[in-house]
Amino acid sequence: MRTTHLRLLFGLGALVLFTGCATGDEWQTWKEHPTHFASGDHMFFSTRNREGSSPKVTRQDIAQARDQGWWGKPITVSQEAILER
């Protein structure tokens, strides 16, 4: 009985993990790339610009994104909002 409950718990956890975490478009992006981030710079940028916060984008970020081929949801800011440092 205890083993059955553990199996059910693990099965439900796996179901939530694999179905509730990403949209179809997000899964497609994951399938197209072998890693979560294109580089350490990409990871630093993404952790600095969490969803719901006001984006902090520098000209260096833009150049690195282009040169390193970053992927994911694009962050858009006006020209005036791009930071020099």
PDB file of N, CA and C in Angstrom:
ATOM      1  N   MET A   1       0.826  -1.195   0.000  1.00  0.00           N
ATOM      2  CA  MET A   1       0.000   0.000   0.000  1.00  0.00           C
ATOM      3  C   MET A   1       0.868   1.256   0.000  1.00  0.00           C
ATOM      4  N   ARG A   2       1.898   1.249   0.840  1.00  0.00           N
ATOM      5  CA  ARG A   2       2.800   2.397   0.914  1.00  0.00           C
ATOM      6  C   ARG A   2       3.529   2.604  -0.412  1.00  0.00           C
ATOM      7  N   THR A   3       3.969   1.518  -1.040  1.00  0.00           N
ATOM      8  CA  THR A   3       4.660   1.598  -2.318  1.00  0.00           C
ATOM      9  C   THR A   3       3.739   2.163  -3.397  1.00  0.00           C
ATOM     10  N   THR A   4       2.484   1.787  -3.372  1.00  0.00           N
ATOM     11  CA  THR A   4       1.516   2.285  -4.343  1.00  0.00           C
ATOM     12  C   THR A   4       1.349   3.793  -4.209  1.00  0.00           C
ATOM     13  N   HIS A   5       1.283   4.261  -2.977  1.00  0.00           N
ATOM     14  CA  HIS A   5       1.147   5.709  -2.744  1.00  0.00           C
ATOM     15  C   HIS A   5       2.378   6.464  -3.234  1.00  0.00           C
ATOM     16  N   LEU A   6       3.556   5.922  -2.982  1.00  0.00           N
ATOM     17  CA  LEU A   6       4.788   6.573  -3.445  1.00  0.00           C
ATOM     18  C   LEU A   6       4.847   6.612  -4.970  1.00  0.00           C
ATOM     19  N   ARG A   7       4.461   5.530  -5.607  1.00  0.00           N
ATOM     20  CA  ARG A   7       4.453   5.503  -7.072  1.00  0.00           C
ATOM     21  C   ARG A   7       3.474   6.526  -7.629  1.00  0.00           C
ATOM     22  N   LEU A   8       2.306   6.607  -7.021  1.00  0.00           N
ATOM     23  CA  LEU A   8       1.306   7.578  -7.453  1.00  0.00           C
ATOM     24  C   LEU A   8       1.827   9.000  -7.271  1.00  0.00           C
ATOM     25  N   LEU A   9       2.437   9.258  -6.132  1.00  0.00           N
ATOM     26  CA  LEU A   9       3.001  10.581  -5.857  1.00  0.00           C
ATOM     27  C   LEU A   9       4.086  10.942  -6.869  1.00  0.00           C
ATOM     28  N   PHE A  10       5.010  10.028  -7.131  1.00  0.00           N
ATOM     29  CA  PHE A  10       6.063  10.287  -8.111  1.00  0.00           C
ATOM     30  C   PHE A  10       5.495  10.445  -9.519  1.00  0.00           C
ATOM     31  N   GLY A  11       4.504   9.641  -9.851  1.00  0.00           N
ATOM     32  CA  GLY A  11       3.888   9.737 -11.170  1.00  0.00           C
ATOM     33  C   GLY A  11       3.195  11.077 -11.381  1.00  0.00           C
ATOM     34  N   LEU A  12       2.451  11.526 -10.378  1.00  0.00           N
ATOM     35  CA  LEU A  12       1.795  12.829 -10.475  1.00  0.00           C
ATOM     36  C   LEU A  12       2.819  13.960 -10.525  1.00  0.00           C
ATOM     37  N   GLY A  13       3.875  13.842  -9.744  1.00  0.00           N
ATOM     38  CA  GLY A  13       4.940  14.854  -9.768  1.00  0.00           C
ATOM     39  C   GLY A  13       5.593  14.945 -11.130  1.00  0.00           C
ATOM     40  N   ALA A  14       5.851  13.809 -11.739  1.00  0.00           N
ATOM     41  CA  ALA A  14       6.453  13.794 -13.076  1.00  0.00           C
ATOM     42  C   ALA A  14       5.499  14.389 -14.100  1.00  0.00           C
ATOM     43  N   LEU A  15       4.218  14.088 -13.973  1.00  0.00           N
ATOM     44  CA  LEU A  15       3.233  14.627 -14.897  1.00  0.00           C
ATOM     45  C   LEU A  15       3.187  16.153 -14.814  1.00  0.00           C
ATOM     46  N   VAL A  16       3.169  16.682 -13.618  1.00  0.00           N
ATOM     47  CA  VAL A  16       3.163  18.137 -13.438  1.00  0.00           C
ATOM     48  C   VAL A  16       4.456  18.733 -13.972  1.00  0.00           C
ATOM     49  N   LEU A  17       5.559  18.092 -13.682  1.00  0.00           N
ATOM     50  CA  LEU A  17       6.863  18.593 -14.132  1.00  0.00           C
ATOM     51  C   LEU A  17       6.946  18.674 -15.650  1.00  0.00           C
ATOM     52  N   PHE A  18       6.468  17.652 -16.334  1.00  0.00           N
ATOM     53  CA  PHE A  18       6.631  17.600 -17.781  1.00  0.00           C
ATOM     54  C   PHE A  18       5.524  18.284 -18.573  1.00  0.00           C
ATOM     55  N   THR A  19       4.370  18.509 -17.973  1.00  0.00           N
ATOM     56  CA  THR A  19       3.292  19.121 -18.735  1.00  0.00           C
ATOM     57  C   THR A  19       2.973  20.545 -18.305  1.00  0.00           C
ATOM     58  N   GLY A  20       3.211  20.893 -17.068  1.00  0.00           N
ATOM     59  CA  GLY A  20       2.799  22.191 -16.561  1.00  0.00           C
ATOM     60  C   GLY A  20       3.857  23.267 -16.592  1.00  0.00           C
ATOM     61  N   CYS A  21       5.030  22.961 -17.022  1.00  0.00           N
ATOM     62  CA  CYS A  21       6.136  23.909 -16.927  1.00  0.00           C
ATOM     63  C   CYS A  21       6.325  24.777 -18.161  1.00  0.00           C
ATOM     64  N   ALA A  22       5.937  24.310 -19.314  1.00  0.00           N
ATOM     65  CA  ALA A  22       6.257  25.043 -20.538  1.00  0.00           C
ATOM     66  C   ALA A  22       5.114  24.940 -21.542  1.00  0.00           C
ATOM     67  N   THR A  23       5.023  25.973 -22.378  1.00  0.00           N
ATOM     68  CA  THR A  23       4.053  25.958 -23.469  1.00  0.00           C
ATOM     69  C   THR A  23       4.625  25.156 -24.633  1.00  0.00           C
ATOM     70  N   GLY A  24       3.814  24.923 -25.632  1.00  0.00           N
ATOM     71  CA  GLY A  24       4.291  24.213 -26.819  1.00  0.00           C
ATOM     72  C   GLY A  24       5.438  24.937 -27.505  1.00  0.00           C
ATOM     73  N   ASP A  25       5.351  26.275 -27.589  1.00  0.00           N
ATOM     74  CA  ASP A  25       6.433  27.061 -28.201  1.00  0.00           C
ATOM     75  C   ASP A  25       7.718  26.959 -27.375  1.00  0.00           C
ATOM     76  N   GLU A  26       7.566  26.976 -26.050  1.00  0.00           N
ATOM     77  CA  GLU A  26       8.749  26.869 -25.189  1.00  0.00           C
ATOM     78  C   GLU A  26       9.393  25.495 -25.323  1.00  0.00           C
ATOM     79  N   TRP A  27       8.587  24.431 -25.421  1.00  0.00           N
ATOM     80  CA  TRP A  27       9.148  23.097 -25.627  1.00  0.00           C
ATOM     81  C   TRP A  27       9.885  23.025 -26.962  1.00  0.00           C
ATOM     82  N   GLN A  28       9.336  23.660 -27.995  1.00  0.00           N
ATOM     83  CA  GLN A  28       9.993  23.661 -29.297  1.00  0.00           C
ATOM     84  C   GLN A  28      11.352  24.336 -29.207  1.00  0.00           C
ATOM     85  N   THR A  29      11.427  25.450 -28.488  1.00  0.00           N
ATOM     86  CA  THR A  29      12.708  26.142 -28.295  1.00  0.00           C
ATOM     87  C   THR A  29      13.693  25.231 -27.584  1.00  0.00           C
ATOM     88  N   TRP A  30      13.229  24.523 -26.553  1.00  0.00           N
ATOM     89  CA  TRP A  30      14.103  23.598 -25.811  1.00  0.00           C
ATOM     90  C   TRP A  30      14.623  22.494 -26.727  1.00  0.00           C
ATOM     91  N   LYS A  31      13.767  22.000 -27.603  1.00  0.00           N
ATOM     92  CA  LYS A  31      14.182  20.917 -28.502  1.00  0.00           C
ATOM     93  C   LYS A  31      15.235  21.376 -29.507  1.00  0.00           C
ATOM     94  N   GLU A  32      15.202  22.659 -29.865  1.00  0.00           N
ATOM     95  CA  GLU A  32      16.117  23.186 -30.875  1.00  0.00           C
ATOM     96  C   GLU A  32      17.499  23.535 -30.310  1.00  0.00           C
ATOM     97  N   HIS A  33      17.636  23.588 -28.989  1.00  0.00           N
ATOM     98  CA  HIS A  33      18.904  24.001 -28.375  1.00  0.00           C
ATOM     99  C   HIS A  33      19.337  22.988 -27.319  1.00  0.00           C
ATOM    100  N   PRO A  34      20.610  22.632 -27.308  1.00  0.00           N
ATOM    101  CA  PRO A  34      21.085  21.600 -26.385  1.00  0.00           C
ATOM    102  C   PRO A  34      21.252  22.083 -24.943  1.00  0.00           C
ATOM    103  N   THR A  35      21.244  23.377 -24.713  1.00  0.00           N
ATOM    104  CA  THR A  35      21.429  23.915 -23.369  1.00  0.00           C
ATOM    105  C   THR A  35      20.361  24.967 -23.087  1.00  0.00           C
ATOM    106  N   HIS A  36      20.250  25.346 -21.819  1.00  0.00           N
ATOM    107  CA  HIS A  36      19.250  26.344 -21.448  1.00  0.00           C
ATOM    108  C   HIS A  36      19.670  27.746 -21.896  1.00  0.00           C
ATOM    109  N   PHE A  37      20.964  28.042 -21.819  1.00  0.00           N
ATOM    110  CA  PHE A  37      21.488  29.354 -22.215  1.00  0.00           C
ATOM    111  C   PHE A  37      22.580  29.170 -23.261  1.00  0.00           C
ATOM    112  N   ALA A  38      22.727  30.183 -24.121  1.00  0.00           N
ATOM    113  CA  ALA A  38      23.739  30.120 -25.165  1.00  0.00           C
ATOM    114  C   ALA A  38      25.145  30.312 -24.597  1.00  0.00           C
ATOM    115  N   SER A  39      25.251  31.025 -23.470  1.00  0.00           N
ATOM    116  CA  SER A  39      26.559  31.312 -22.883  1.00  0.00           C
ATOM    117  C   SER A  39      26.361  31.801 -21.451  1.00  0.00           C
ATOM    118  N   GLY A  40      27.454  32.019 -20.749  1.00  0.00           N
ATOM    119  CA  GLY A  40      27.388  32.603 -19.417  1.00  0.00           C
ATOM    120  C   GLY A  40      26.819  34.016 -19.458  1.00  0.00           C
ATOM    121  N   ASP A  41      27.159  34.755 -20.502  1.00  0.00           N
ATOM    122  CA  ASP A  41      26.620  36.115 -20.659  1.00  0.00           C
ATOM    123  C   ASP A  41      25.099  36.074 -20.801  1.00  0.00           C
ATOM    124  N   HIS A  42      24.610  35.110 -21.560  1.00  0.00           N
ATOM    125  CA  HIS A  42      23.169  34.938 -21.767  1.00  0.00           C
ATOM    126  C   HIS A  42      22.492  34.617 -20.427  1.00  0.00           C
ATOM    127  N   MET A  43      23.099  33.723 -19.642  1.00  0.00           N
ATOM    128  CA  MET A  43      22.539  33.359 -18.344  1.00  0.00           C
ATOM    129  C   MET A  43      22.504  34.570 -17.411  1.00  0.00           C
ATOM    130  N   PHE A  44      23.591  35.324 -17.358  1.00  0.00           N
ATOM    131  CA  PHE A  44      23.643  36.508 -16.491  1.00  0.00           C
ATOM    132  C   PHE A  44      22.568  37.510 -16.904  1.00  0.00           C
ATOM    133  N   PHE A  45      22.429  37.746 -18.195  1.00  0.00           N
ATOM    134  CA  PHE A  45      21.420  38.675 -18.694  1.00  0.00           C
ATOM    135  C   PHE A  45      20.013  38.203 -18.319  1.00  0.00           C
ATOM    136  N   SER A  46      19.737  36.922 -18.507  1.00  0.00           N
ATOM    137  CA  SER A  46      18.404  36.387 -18.227  1.00  0.00           C
ATOM    138  C   SER A  46      18.062  36.434 -16.745  1.00  0.00           C
ATOM    139  N   THR A  47      19.022  36.142 -15.883  1.00  0.00           N
ATOM    140  CA  THR A  47      18.746  36.199 -14.451  1.00  0.00           C
ATOM    141  C   THR A  47      18.594  37.639 -13.982  1.00  0.00           C
ATOM    142  N   ARG A  48      19.262  38.567 -14.635  1.00  0.00           N
ATOM    143  CA  ARG A  48      19.154  39.988 -14.293  1.00  0.00           C
ATOM    144  C   ARG A  48      17.818  40.564 -14.753  1.00  0.00           C
ATOM    145  N   ASN A  49      17.230  39.986 -15.788  1.00  0.00           N
ATOM    146  CA  ASN A  49      15.989  40.502 -16.376  1.00  0.00           C
ATOM    147  C   ASN A  49      14.865  39.478 -16.264  1.00  0.00           C
ATOM    148  N   ARG A  50      14.449  39.241 -15.051  1.00  0.00           N
ATOM    149  CA  ARG A  50      13.340  38.318 -14.797  1.00  0.00           C
ATOM    150  C   ARG A  50      12.037  38.878 -15.340  1.00  0.00           C
ATOM    151  N   GLU A  51      11.108  37.988 -15.691  1.00  0.00           N
ATOM    152  CA  GLU A  51       9.800  38.393 -16.174  1.00  0.00           C
ATOM    153  C   GLU A  51       9.097  39.211 -15.090  1.00  0.00           C
ATOM    154  N   GLY A  52       8.495  40.316 -15.482  1.00  0.00           N
ATOM    155  CA  GLY A  52       7.799  41.165 -14.543  1.00  0.00           C
ATOM    156  C   GLY A  52       8.629  42.330 -14.032  1.00  0.00           C
ATOM    157  N   SER A  53       9.943  42.285 -14.230  1.00  0.00           N
ATOM    158  CA  SER A  53      10.792  43.401 -13.810  1.00  0.00           C
ATOM    159  C   SER A  53      11.052  44.294 -15.018  1.00  0.00           C
ATOM    160  N   SER A  54      11.459  45.528 -14.747  1.00  0.00           N
ATOM    161  CA  SER A  54      11.783  46.399 -15.882  1.00  0.00           C
ATOM    162  C   SER A  54      13.150  45.983 -16.421  1.00  0.00           C
ATOM    163  N   PRO A  55      13.245  45.733 -17.724  1.00  0.00           N
ATOM    164  CA  PRO A  55      14.490  45.223 -18.303  1.00  0.00           C
ATOM    165  C   PRO A  55      15.639  46.224 -18.210  1.00  0.00           C
ATOM    166  N   LYS A  56      16.829  45.682 -17.982  1.00  0.00           N
ATOM    167  CA  LYS A  56      18.056  46.481 -17.968  1.00  0.00           C
ATOM    168  C   LYS A  56      18.929  45.957 -19.109  1.00  0.00           C
ATOM    169  N   VAL A  57      18.983  46.725 -20.177  1.00  0.00           N
ATOM    170  CA  VAL A  57      19.677  46.298 -21.393  1.00  0.00           C
ATOM    171  C   VAL A  57      20.771  47.303 -21.721  1.00  0.00           C
ATOM    172  N   THR A  58      21.975  46.781 -21.976  1.00  0.00           N
ATOM    173  CA  THR A  58      23.080  47.644 -22.385  1.00  0.00           C
ATOM    174  C   THR A  58      23.401  47.373 -23.853  1.00  0.00           C
ATOM    175  N   ARG A  59      24.170  48.263 -24.435  1.00  0.00           N
ATOM    176  CA  ARG A  59      24.594  48.042 -25.827  1.00  0.00           C
ATOM    177  C   ARG A  59      25.458  46.789 -25.930  1.00  0.00           C
ATOM    178  N   GLN A  60      26.234  46.508 -24.883  1.00  0.00           N
ATOM    179  CA  GLN A  60      27.053  45.292 -24.865  1.00  0.00           C
ATOM    180  C   GLN A  60      26.153  44.043 -24.866  1.00  0.00           C
ATOM    181  N   ASP A  61      25.034  44.078 -24.137  1.00  0.00           N
ATOM    182  CA  ASP A  61      24.083  42.962 -24.146  1.00  0.00           C
ATOM    183  C   ASP A  61      23.574  42.700 -25.559  1.00  0.00           C
ATOM    184  N   ILE A  62      23.248  43.760 -26.261  1.00  0.00           N
ATOM    185  CA  ILE A  62      22.724  43.634 -27.622  1.00  0.00           C
ATOM    186  C   ILE A  62      23.772  43.010 -28.541  1.00  0.00           C
ATOM    187  N   ALA A  63      25.010  43.460 -28.421  1.00  0.00           N
ATOM    188  CA  ALA A  63      26.095  42.911 -29.249  1.00  0.00           C
ATOM    189  C   ALA A  63      26.343  41.442 -28.913  1.00  0.00           C
ATOM    190  N   GLN A  64      26.341  41.101 -27.621  1.00  0.00           N
ATOM    191  CA  GLN A  64      26.569  39.710 -27.221  1.00  0.00           C
ATOM    192  C   GLN A  64      25.430  38.813 -27.697  1.00  0.00           C
ATOM    193  N   ALA A  65      24.199  39.287 -27.599  1.00  0.00           N
ATOM    194  CA  ALA A  65      23.051  38.493 -28.060  1.00  0.00           C
ATOM    195  C   ALA A  65      23.180  38.181 -29.546  1.00  0.00           C
ATOM    196  N   ARG A  66      23.582  39.168 -30.305  1.00  0.00           N
ATOM    197  CA  ARG A  66      23.748  38.980 -31.752  1.00  0.00           C
ATOM    198  C   ARG A  66      24.914  38.030 -32.041  1.00  0.00           C
ATOM    199  N   ASP A  67      26.049  38.268 -31.403  1.00  0.00           N
ATOM    200  CA  ASP A  67      27.252  37.477 -31.683  1.00  0.00           C
ATOM    201  C   ASP A  67      27.153  36.036 -31.184  1.00  0.00           C
ATOM    202  N   GLN A  68      26.476  35.836 -30.054  1.00  0.00           N
ATOM    203  CA  GLN A  68      26.405  34.507 -29.439  1.00  0.00           C
ATOM    204  C   GLN A  68      25.138  33.736 -29.800  1.00  0.00           C
ATOM    205  N   GLY A  69      24.226  34.380 -30.526  1.00  0.00           N
ATOM    206  CA  GLY A  69      23.006  33.700 -30.967  1.00  0.00           C
ATOM    207  C   GLY A  69      22.072  33.334 -29.822  1.00  0.00           C
ATOM    208  N   TRP A  70      21.782  34.280 -28.938  1.00  0.00           N
ATOM    209  CA  TRP A  70      20.882  34.002 -27.812  1.00  0.00           C
ATOM    210  C   TRP A  70      19.501  33.641 -28.325  1.00  0.00           C
ATOM    211  N   TRP A  71      18.746  32.854 -27.552  1.00  0.00           N
ATOM    212  CA  TRP A  71      17.380  32.486 -27.892  1.00  0.00           C
ATOM    213  C   TRP A  71      16.486  32.697 -26.678  1.00  0.00           C
ATOM    214  N   GLY A  72      15.193  32.525 -26.890  1.00  0.00           N
ATOM    215  CA  GLY A  72      14.207  32.705 -25.823  1.00  0.00           C
ATOM    216  C   GLY A  72      13.296  33.862 -26.135  1.00  0.00           C
ATOM    217  N   LYS A  73      12.527  34.284 -25.134  1.00  0.00           N
ATOM    218  CA  LYS A  73      11.618  35.403 -25.326  1.00  0.00           C
ATOM    219  C   LYS A  73      12.420  36.681 -25.487  1.00  0.00           C
ATOM    220  N   PRO A  74      12.177  37.432 -26.544  1.00  0.00           N
ATOM    221  CA  PRO A  74      12.929  38.682 -26.724  1.00  0.00           C
ATOM    222  C   PRO A  74      12.481  39.743 -25.718  1.00  0.00           C
ATOM    223  N   ILE A  75      13.424  40.543 -25.294  1.00  0.00           N
ATOM    224  CA  ILE A  75      13.134  41.688 -24.431  1.00  0.00           C
ATOM    225  C   ILE A  75      13.245  42.921 -25.300  1.00  0.00           C
ATOM    226  N   THR A  76      12.189  43.691 -25.347  1.00  0.00           N
ATOM    227  CA  THR A  76      12.208  44.904 -26.162  1.00  0.00           C
ATOM    228  C   THR A  76      12.201  46.130 -25.262  1.00  0.00           C
ATOM    229  N   VAL A  77      13.041  47.068 -25.613  1.00  0.00           N
ATOM    230  CA  VAL A  77      13.110  48.356 -24.924  1.00  0.00           C
ATOM    231  C   VAL A  77      13.276  49.440 -25.971  1.00  0.00           C
ATOM    232  N   SER A  78      12.902  50.653 -25.614  1.00  0.00           N
ATOM    233  CA  SER A  78      13.071  51.767 -26.538  1.00  0.00           C
ATOM    234  C   SER A  78      14.544  52.139 -26.606  1.00  0.00           C
ATOM    235  N   GLN A  79      14.938  52.828 -27.649  1.00  0.00           N
ATOM    236  CA  GLN A  79      16.325  53.267 -27.806  1.00  0.00           C
ATOM    237  C   GLN A  79      16.783  54.073 -26.584  1.00  0.00           C
ATOM    238  N   GLU A  80      15.885  54.891 -26.043  1.00  0.00           N
ATOM    239  CA  GLU A  80      16.237  55.745 -24.900  1.00  0.00           C
ATOM    240  C   GLU A  80      16.480  54.929 -23.634  1.00  0.00           C
ATOM    241  N   ALA A  81      15.903  53.732 -23.563  1.00  0.00           N
ATOM    242  CA  ALA A  81      16.017  52.912 -22.358  1.00  0.00           C
ATOM    243  C   ALA A  81      17.283  52.057 -22.335  1.00  0.00           C
ATOM    244  N   ILE A  82      18.024  51.998 -23.445  1.00  0.00           N
ATOM    245  CA  ILE A  82      19.253  51.215 -23.492  1.00  0.00           C
ATOM    246  C   ILE A  82      20.331  51.939 -22.692  1.00  0.00           C
ATOM    247  N   LEU A  83      20.883  51.215 -21.709  1.00  0.00           N
ATOM    248  CA  LEU A  83      21.891  51.790 -20.821  1.00  0.00           C
ATOM    249  C   LEU A  83      23.263  51.773 -21.474  1.00  0.00           C
ATOM    250  N   GLU A  84      24.060  52.754 -21.175  1.00  0.00           N
ATOM    251  CA  GLU A  84      25.421  52.799 -21.720  1.00  0.00           C
ATOM    252  C   GLU A  84      26.341  51.848 -20.965  1.00  0.00           C
ATOM    253  N   ARG A  85      26.098  51.578 -19.715  1.00  0.00           N
ATOM    254  CA  ARG A  85      26.941  50.684 -18.911  1.00  0.00           C
ATOM    255  C   ARG A  85      26.136  49.560 -18.377  1.00  0.00           C
TER     256      ARG A  85
END
